[in-house]
N, C-alpha and C. Protein backbone atom coordinates (compact mmCIF):
# COMPACT_ATOMS: atom_id res chain seq x y z
N MET A 1 82.32 19.29 -50.50
CA MET A 1 81.41 20.12 -49.57
C MET A 1 80.56 18.69 -48.31
N VAL A 2 80.74 17.57 -48.96
CA VAL A 2 80.49 16.30 -47.79
C VAL A 2 81.20 16.79 -46.32
N VAL A 3 82.76 16.83 -47.27
CA VAL A 3 83.62 16.47 -45.83
C VAL A 3 83.17 18.03 -44.81
N ALA A 4 83.02 19.53 -45.79
CA ALA A 4 82.93 20.63 -44.94
C ALA A 4 81.45 20.46 -44.03
N LEU A 5 80.23 20.11 -44.38
CA LEU A 5 79.56 19.74 -43.64
C LEU A 5 79.60 18.58 -42.87
N THR A 6 80.25 17.57 -42.79
CA THR A 6 80.71 16.83 -41.38
C THR A 6 81.64 17.48 -40.66
N ALA A 7 82.64 18.47 -41.09
CA ALA A 7 83.35 18.93 -39.99
C ALA A 7 82.74 19.84 -39.24
N THR A 8 81.83 20.49 -39.96
CA THR A 8 80.90 21.63 -38.97
C THR A 8 79.51 20.93 -38.13
N LEU A 9 79.23 19.70 -38.20
CA LEU A 9 78.01 18.94 -37.67
C LEU A 9 79.06 18.39 -36.53
N MET A 10 80.28 18.20 -36.99
CA MET A 10 81.36 17.58 -34.98
C MET A 10 81.15 18.21 -34.63
N ILE A 11 81.75 19.83 -34.98
CA ILE A 11 81.98 21.05 -34.31
C ILE A 11 80.95 21.61 -33.48
N GLY A 12 79.19 21.13 -34.03
CA GLY A 12 78.42 21.31 -33.49
C GLY A 12 78.09 20.72 -32.29
N VAL A 13 78.62 19.56 -32.62
CA VAL A 13 78.14 18.09 -31.69
C VAL A 13 78.96 18.18 -30.57
N LEU A 14 80.13 18.99 -30.92
CA LEU A 14 81.43 18.98 -29.74
C LEU A 14 80.99 19.99 -29.18
N ALA A 15 80.67 21.10 -29.75
CA ALA A 15 80.61 22.71 -28.68
C ALA A 15 79.27 22.37 -27.60
N ILE A 16 78.33 21.42 -28.59
CA ILE A 16 77.24 20.97 -27.57
C ILE A 16 77.48 20.13 -26.57
N ALA A 17 78.23 18.87 -26.60
CA ALA A 17 79.05 18.27 -25.56
C ALA A 17 79.55 19.50 -24.03
N ALA A 18 80.44 19.97 -24.83
CA ALA A 18 81.24 21.00 -23.80
C ALA A 18 80.39 21.68 -23.33
N ALA A 19 79.34 22.41 -23.45
CA ALA A 19 78.32 22.96 -22.86
C ALA A 19 78.03 21.98 -21.50
N ILE A 20 77.62 20.89 -22.45
CA ILE A 20 76.50 19.84 -21.51
C ILE A 20 77.44 19.58 -20.11
N VAL A 21 79.26 19.18 -20.51
CA VAL A 21 80.18 18.92 -19.23
C VAL A 21 80.03 20.04 -18.55
N ILE A 22 80.51 21.59 -19.35
CA ILE A 22 80.58 22.89 -18.13
C ILE A 22 79.30 22.82 -17.63
N THR A 23 78.00 22.69 -17.95
CA THR A 23 76.83 23.07 -17.07
C THR A 23 76.82 21.88 -15.98
N VAL A 24 77.10 20.71 -16.13
CA VAL A 24 77.25 19.72 -14.83
C VAL A 24 78.23 19.78 -14.02
N SER A 25 79.33 20.13 -14.06
CA SER A 25 80.74 19.96 -13.46
C SER A 25 80.32 21.50 -12.58
N ARG A 26 79.80 22.09 -12.71
CA ARG A 26 79.66 23.10 -11.78
C ARG A 26 79.52 22.79 -10.43
N ASP A 27 79.81 23.84 -9.77
CA ASP A 27 79.12 23.67 -8.36
C ASP A 27 78.16 24.29 -8.46
N PRO A 28 77.75 23.42 -7.13
CA PRO A 28 76.08 24.03 -6.82
C PRO A 28 75.75 25.13 -5.78
N ALA A 29 75.11 25.98 -6.57
CA ALA A 29 74.76 27.05 -5.72
C ALA A 29 75.03 27.20 -4.03
N PRO A 30 75.95 28.30 -3.47
CA PRO A 30 75.97 28.06 -2.14
C PRO A 30 74.69 28.13 -1.50
N ALA A 31 75.16 27.44 0.05
CA ALA A 31 73.70 27.29 1.05
C ALA A 31 73.23 28.80 1.63
N PRO A 32 72.51 29.01 1.42
CA PRO A 32 71.71 30.15 2.36
C PRO A 32 72.99 29.94 4.07
N LEU A 33 72.97 31.15 4.58
CA LEU A 33 74.25 30.90 5.67
C LEU A 33 73.13 30.63 6.76
N ILE A 34 71.93 31.01 6.79
CA ILE A 34 70.60 30.82 7.78
C ILE A 34 69.72 30.57 7.13
N SER A 35 69.62 29.37 7.62
CA SER A 35 67.94 28.28 6.91
C SER A 35 66.43 28.70 8.13
N GLY A 36 65.72 28.94 7.22
CA GLY A 36 64.47 29.30 7.84
C GLY A 36 64.03 28.36 9.23
N ALA A 37 64.38 26.88 9.00
CA ALA A 37 64.71 26.06 10.34
C ALA A 37 65.34 26.49 11.29
N GLU A 38 66.36 27.36 11.59
CA GLU A 38 67.30 27.63 12.22
C GLU A 38 67.00 29.05 12.91
N LEU A 39 65.73 29.67 12.37
CA LEU A 39 65.25 31.15 12.92
C LEU A 39 64.84 31.27 13.81
N ALA A 40 64.84 32.45 14.94
CA ALA A 40 63.52 31.85 16.15
C ALA A 40 62.73 32.13 15.65
N ALA A 41 61.59 31.72 16.07
CA ALA A 41 59.73 32.04 15.77
C ALA A 41 59.78 33.96 15.83
N GLU A 42 60.38 34.38 17.22
CA GLU A 42 59.64 36.13 17.25
C GLU A 42 61.52 36.78 17.73
N ILE A 43 61.59 37.76 17.70
CA ILE A 43 62.09 38.66 18.40
C ILE A 43 61.68 39.82 19.55
N ALA A 44 61.92 39.82 20.22
CA ALA A 44 61.56 41.36 21.19
C ALA A 44 62.32 42.47 20.76
N LEU A 45 61.32 43.37 20.37
CA LEU A 45 62.06 44.80 20.35
C LEU A 45 61.47 45.80 21.32
N PRO A 46 61.65 46.80 22.14
CA PRO A 46 61.33 47.76 23.31
C PRO A 46 60.14 48.06 22.79
N ALA A 47 59.11 48.85 23.63
CA ALA A 47 58.05 49.12 23.25
C ALA A 47 58.18 50.82 22.94
N GLY A 48 57.68 50.53 21.66
CA GLY A 48 57.80 52.10 20.83
C GLY A 48 58.89 52.41 19.53
N GLU A 49 59.99 51.15 19.87
CA GLU A 49 60.59 50.93 18.36
C GLU A 49 60.28 50.66 17.47
N ALA A 50 60.62 51.29 15.88
CA ALA A 50 60.48 50.92 14.83
C ALA A 50 61.42 50.13 13.96
N LEU A 51 61.07 49.01 13.73
CA LEU A 51 62.05 48.50 12.81
C LEU A 51 62.97 49.56 11.67
N ILE A 52 64.32 49.31 11.21
CA ILE A 52 64.36 50.43 10.39
C ILE A 52 65.72 49.01 9.40
N SER A 53 65.76 48.13 9.74
CA SER A 53 66.38 47.16 8.55
C SER A 53 66.84 45.79 9.76
N ALA A 54 66.92 44.48 8.67
CA ALA A 54 67.09 43.30 9.48
C ALA A 54 68.39 42.94 8.50
N ALA A 55 68.91 41.72 9.59
CA ALA A 55 69.85 40.99 8.31
C ALA A 55 70.38 39.79 9.05
N ALA A 56 70.65 38.66 8.71
CA ALA A 56 71.05 37.84 9.05
C ALA A 56 72.16 36.73 8.49
N ALA A 57 73.31 36.62 9.36
CA ALA A 57 74.54 35.81 8.72
C ALA A 57 74.92 35.04 10.05
N ALA A 58 75.85 34.52 9.87
CA ALA A 58 76.23 33.29 10.71
C ALA A 58 75.69 33.41 12.04
N GLY A 59 74.78 32.95 11.89
CA GLY A 59 73.42 32.30 13.55
C GLY A 59 73.10 33.99 13.88
N VAL A 60 73.21 35.20 13.28
CA VAL A 60 72.58 36.13 14.23
C VAL A 60 71.86 36.77 13.47
N LEU A 61 71.31 37.45 13.73
CA LEU A 61 70.14 38.33 13.63
C LEU A 61 70.61 40.27 13.71
N THR A 62 70.63 40.71 13.35
CA THR A 62 71.42 41.82 13.43
C THR A 62 70.14 42.96 12.77
N VAL A 63 69.80 43.68 13.66
CA VAL A 63 68.32 44.52 13.43
C VAL A 63 68.87 45.82 13.70
N VAL A 64 68.29 46.96 13.13
CA VAL A 64 68.29 48.67 13.75
C VAL A 64 67.16 49.20 14.35
N THR A 65 67.12 49.52 14.75
CA THR A 65 65.18 50.17 15.28
C THR A 65 65.72 51.60 15.91
N ARG A 66 64.42 52.22 15.65
CA ARG A 66 64.72 53.90 15.42
C ARG A 66 63.55 54.30 17.22
N SER A 67 63.97 54.94 17.92
CA SER A 67 63.03 55.40 19.12
C SER A 67 62.25 56.42 18.42
N ALA A 68 61.21 56.89 19.27
CA ALA A 68 60.31 58.10 18.68
C ALA A 68 61.06 59.31 18.87
N ASP A 69 62.27 59.27 19.91
CA ASP A 69 62.99 61.00 19.83
C ASP A 69 63.80 60.82 18.55
N GLY A 70 64.07 58.96 17.74
CA GLY A 70 65.00 59.47 16.42
C GLY A 70 66.25 58.88 16.75
N ALA A 71 66.05 58.33 18.32
CA ALA A 71 67.64 57.43 18.16
C ALA A 71 68.05 56.33 17.28
N GLU A 72 68.57 55.54 16.86
CA GLU A 72 68.57 54.29 16.26
C GLU A 72 70.02 53.62 17.21
N THR A 73 69.36 51.96 17.20
CA THR A 73 70.07 51.61 18.12
C THR A 73 70.23 49.91 16.99
N LEU A 74 71.72 49.28 17.38
CA LEU A 74 72.02 48.16 16.41
C LEU A 74 71.56 46.92 18.01
N ARG A 75 70.87 46.46 17.19
CA ARG A 75 70.73 45.33 18.30
C ARG A 75 71.07 44.06 17.46
N MET A 76 71.49 42.94 18.46
CA MET A 76 72.06 41.32 17.93
C MET A 76 71.34 40.70 18.39
N PHE A 77 70.46 39.15 17.92
CA PHE A 77 69.72 38.30 18.76
C PHE A 77 70.39 37.24 17.49
N SER A 78 70.33 35.94 18.59
CA SER A 78 70.55 34.98 18.76
C SER A 78 69.28 34.63 17.28
N ALA A 79 69.94 33.63 16.60
CA ALA A 79 69.43 33.45 15.06
C ALA A 79 68.38 32.23 15.87
N ALA A 80 68.94 31.29 16.73
CA ALA A 80 68.08 30.19 16.99
C ALA A 80 67.33 30.42 18.19
N THR A 81 67.44 31.28 18.74
CA THR A 81 66.52 31.68 20.11
C THR A 81 65.81 32.99 20.38
N GLY A 82 66.23 33.56 19.36
CA GLY A 82 66.07 35.16 19.52
C GLY A 82 66.52 35.69 20.90
N GLU A 83 67.36 34.94 21.54
CA GLU A 83 68.04 35.86 22.38
C GLU A 83 68.84 37.00 22.21
N ALA A 84 68.26 37.88 23.07
CA ALA A 84 69.51 39.38 22.88
C ALA A 84 70.91 39.55 22.91
N LEU A 85 71.54 39.50 21.85
CA LEU A 85 73.01 39.62 22.55
C LEU A 85 73.70 40.55 22.31
N GLY A 86 73.29 41.78 22.26
CA GLY A 86 74.19 42.84 22.52
C GLY A 86 73.28 44.29 21.83
N GLU A 87 73.59 45.52 22.05
CA GLU A 87 73.18 46.68 21.54
C GLU A 87 74.40 47.58 21.04
N MET A 88 74.21 48.34 20.64
CA MET A 88 74.72 49.78 20.24
C MET A 88 73.98 51.30 19.55
N ALA A 89 74.23 51.86 20.11
CA ALA A 89 74.07 53.08 19.93
C ALA A 89 74.64 53.40 18.07
N VAL A 90 73.50 53.73 17.09
CA VAL A 90 73.80 54.11 15.87
C VAL A 90 74.28 56.01 15.91
N ARG A 91 75.49 56.56 15.45
CA ARG A 91 75.41 57.88 15.24
C ARG A 91 75.89 58.23 14.32
N ARG A 92 74.39 59.00 13.47
CA ARG A 92 75.02 59.81 12.58
C ARG A 92 75.67 60.96 11.81
N ASP A 93 77.14 61.30 11.69
CA ASP A 93 77.59 62.91 11.31
C ASP A 93 76.72 63.47 10.19
């Protein structure tokens, strides 16, 4: 009886030790692609354009805007400076 309880206790201790080792040895969470310190304070959208969506990745802010007539435009800005990098029309079929 004592041998069975000792074996159970040792298995439990080993399981807890293994869980601790696995948790500690995991890779840290990945860093965000753009931190708050790297973002421009503001970007300028044309007058009358409504912001539909925005995303940030690899140093570029990408926004989709909609004009009063319903036309959508994809605009890219430098995440660091807010400078316009380019734009293209979005057509929905």
